[in-house]
C-alpha atoms as a PDB file:
ATOM      1  CA  MET A   1     -45.602   1.555  17.884  1.00  0.00           C
ATOM      2  CA  LEU A   2     -44.177   1.639  14.378  1.00  0.00           C
ATOM      3  CA  TRP A   3     -43.743   5.405  14.530  1.00  0.00           C
ATOM      4  CA  GLU A   4     -41.944   5.214  17.868  1.00  0.00           C
ATOM      5  CA  SER A   5     -39.537   2.576  16.565  1.00  0.00           C
ATOM      6  CA  THR A   6     -38.856   4.569  13.424  1.00  0.00           C
ATOM      7  CA  ALA A   7     -38.345   7.791  15.387  1.00  0.00           C
ATOM      8  CA  CYS A   8     -35.941   6.056  17.777  1.00  0.00           C
ATOM      9  CA  ALA A   9     -33.985   4.522  14.892  1.00  0.00           C
ATOM     10  CA  LEU A  10     -33.695   7.896  13.152  1.00  0.00           C
ATOM     11  CA  LEU A  11     -32.634   9.536  16.397  1.00  0.00           C
ATOM     12  CA  GLY A  12     -29.923   6.923  16.889  1.00  0.00           C
ATOM     13  CA  LEU A  13     -28.822   7.330  13.293  1.00  0.00           C
ATOM     14  CA  VAL A  14     -28.471  11.082  13.789  1.00  0.00           C
ATOM     15  CA  ILE A  15     -26.464  10.583  16.987  1.00  0.00           C
ATOM     16  CA  ALA A  16     -24.144   8.133  15.260  1.00  0.00           C
ATOM     17  CA  ALA A  17     -23.730  10.382  12.217  1.00  0.00           C
ATOM     18  CA  VAL A  18     -22.797  13.330  14.428  1.00  0.00           C
ATOM     19  CA  ALA A  19     -20.324  11.204  16.392  1.00  0.00           C
ATOM     20  CA  VAL A  20     -18.697   9.839  13.233  1.00  0.00           C
ATOM     21  CA  GLY A  21     -18.655  13.286  11.672  1.00  0.00           C
ATOM     22  CA  ARG A  22     -16.912  14.878  14.629  1.00  0.00           C
ATOM     23  CA  ARG A  23     -14.415  12.077  15.344  1.00  0.00           C
ATOM     24  CA  PRO A  24     -14.067   9.789  12.296  1.00  0.00           C
ATOM     25  CA  ALA A  25     -10.719   8.345  13.397  1.00  0.00           C
ATOM     26  CA  ARG A  26     -12.227   6.978  16.618  1.00  0.00           C
ATOM     27  CA  PHE A  27     -14.401   4.418  14.818  1.00  0.00           C
ATOM     28  CA  PHE A  28     -13.283   1.253  13.042  1.00  0.00           C
ATOM     29  CA  ASP A  29     -16.031   1.389  10.436  1.00  0.00           C
ATOM     30  CA  THR A  30     -18.600   4.076   9.721  1.00  0.00           C
ATOM     31  CA  ARG A  31     -21.273   1.546   8.801  1.00  0.00           C
ATOM     32  CA  LEU A  32     -20.792  -0.302  12.080  1.00  0.00           C
ATOM     33  CA  ALA A  33     -21.140   2.935  14.054  1.00  0.00           C
ATOM     34  CA  LEU A  34     -24.301   3.943  12.187  1.00  0.00           C
ATOM     35  CA  ALA A  35     -25.836   0.509  12.638  1.00  0.00           C
ATOM     36  CA  ALA A  36     -24.939   0.413  16.340  1.00  0.00           C
ATOM     37  CA  GLY A  37     -26.460   3.832  16.958  1.00  0.00           C
ATOM     38  CA  ALA A  38     -29.680   3.143  15.075  1.00  0.00           C
ATOM     39  CA  GLY A  39     -30.091  -0.414  16.329  1.00  0.00           C
ATOM     40  CA  GLY A  40     -29.307   0.497  19.913  1.00  0.00           C
ATOM     41  CA  ALA A  41     -31.754   3.384  19.929  1.00  0.00           C
ATOM     42  CA  MET A  42     -34.495   1.240  18.423  1.00  0.00           C
ATOM     43  CA  LEU A  43     -33.881  -1.549  20.922  1.00  0.00           C
ATOM     44  CA  GLY A  44     -33.865   0.892  23.828  1.00  0.00           C
ATOM     45  CA  GLY A  45     -37.078   2.484  22.600  1.00  0.00           C
ATOM     46  CA  LEU A  46     -38.787  -0.876  22.245  1.00  0.00           C
ATOM     47  CA  ILE A  47     -37.736  -1.944  25.735  1.00  0.00           C
ATOM     48  CA  ALA A  48     -38.978   1.343  27.195  1.00  0.00           C
ATOM     49  CA  ARG A  49     -42.262   1.008  25.299  1.00  0.00           C
ATOM     50  CA  ALA A  50     -42.749  -2.527  26.616  1.00  0.00           C
ATOM     51  CA  VAL A  51     -42.070  -1.419  30.187  1.00  0.00           C
ATOM     52  CA  LEU A  52     -44.002   1.859  30.190  1.00  0.00           C
ATOM     53  CA  GLY A  53     -46.792   1.053  27.767  1.00  0.00           C
ATOM     54  CA  PRO A  54     -48.353   3.332  25.159  1.00  0.00           C
ATOM     55  CA  GLY A  55     -48.683   7.078  25.598  1.00  0.00           C
ATOM     56  CA  SER A  56     -45.206   7.971  26.833  1.00  0.00           C
ATOM     57  CA  LEU A  57     -43.468   9.080  23.651  1.00  0.00           C
ATOM     58  CA  PRO A  58     -40.964  11.550  25.192  1.00  0.00           C
ATOM     59  CA  VAL A  59     -39.742   8.972  27.705  1.00  0.00           C
ATOM     60  CA  VAL A  60     -39.466   6.296  25.011  1.00  0.00           C
ATOM     61  CA  LEU A  61     -37.447   8.639  22.793  1.00  0.00           C
ATOM     62  CA  MET A  62     -35.181   9.582  25.694  1.00  0.00           C
ATOM     63  CA  ALA A  63     -34.600   5.923  26.547  1.00  0.00           C
ATOM     64  CA  GLY A  64     -33.795   5.226  22.908  1.00  0.00           C
ATOM     65  CA  LEU A  65     -31.363   8.125  22.880  1.00  0.00           C
ATOM     66  CA  VAL A  66     -29.561   6.921  25.989  1.00  0.00           C
ATOM     67  CA  PHE A  67     -29.426   3.280  24.914  1.00  0.00           C
ATOM     68  CA  GLY A  68     -28.236   4.191  21.413  1.00  0.00           C
ATOM     69  CA  ALA A  69     -25.461   6.394  22.780  1.00  0.00           C
ATOM     70  CA  ALA A  70     -24.420   3.670  25.214  1.00  0.00           C
ATOM     71  CA  LEU A  71     -24.230   1.057  22.478  1.00  0.00           C
ATOM     72  CA  LEU A  72     -22.399   3.477  20.211  1.00  0.00           C
ATOM     73  CA  SER A  73     -19.784   4.037  22.896  1.00  0.00           C
ATOM     74  CA  LEU A  74     -18.974   0.324  22.788  1.00  0.00           C
ATOM     75  CA  VAL A  75     -17.727   0.510  19.198  1.00  0.00           C
ATOM     76  CA  VAL A  76     -15.315   3.410  19.794  1.00  0.00           C
ATOM     77  CA  ARG A  77     -11.675   2.620  19.147  1.00  0.00           C
ATOM     78  CA  VAL A  78      -9.563   2.963  22.277  1.00  0.00           C
ATOM     79  CA  SER A  79      -6.344   4.885  21.832  1.00  0.00           C
ATOM     80  CA  HIS A  80      -3.223   3.155  23.059  1.00  0.00           C
ATOM     81  CA  ALA A  81      -1.463   6.082  24.652  1.00  0.00           C
ATOM     82  CA  PRO A  82       1.598   5.258  26.709  1.00  0.00           C
ATOM     83  CA  ALA A  83       0.964   5.089  30.427  1.00  0.00           C
ATOM     84  CA  ARG A  84       2.423   7.831  32.526  1.00  0.00           C
ATOM     85  CA  GLY A  85       5.063   7.062  35.077  1.00  0.00           C
ATOM     86  CA  PRO A  86       4.595   7.549  38.799  1.00  0.00           C
ATOM     87  CA  VAL A  87       4.000  11.084  39.948  1.00  0.00           C
ATOM     88  CA  SER A  88       6.690  12.376  42.243  1.00  0.00           C
ATOM     89  CA  ALA A  89       5.502  14.366  45.224  1.00  0.00           C
END
């Protein structure tokens, strides 16, 4: 169980580092993005492990990946682009 949690946390950390590396202006704080990715992946992996039980490492890692990416998407800065006017037909 400790190895699965650590693997999920590292996977989430890698996802967050790639996201921050590719689009650094989209995040308020790099540390917050890294913590959200790692924490979300670890939480998702632990929930999947509790539901599925031992012996399903690929599914637990996939659940951690999905949950980490979902939590990371919540800390992305939204751009305030002006709304477009009505489209004329």
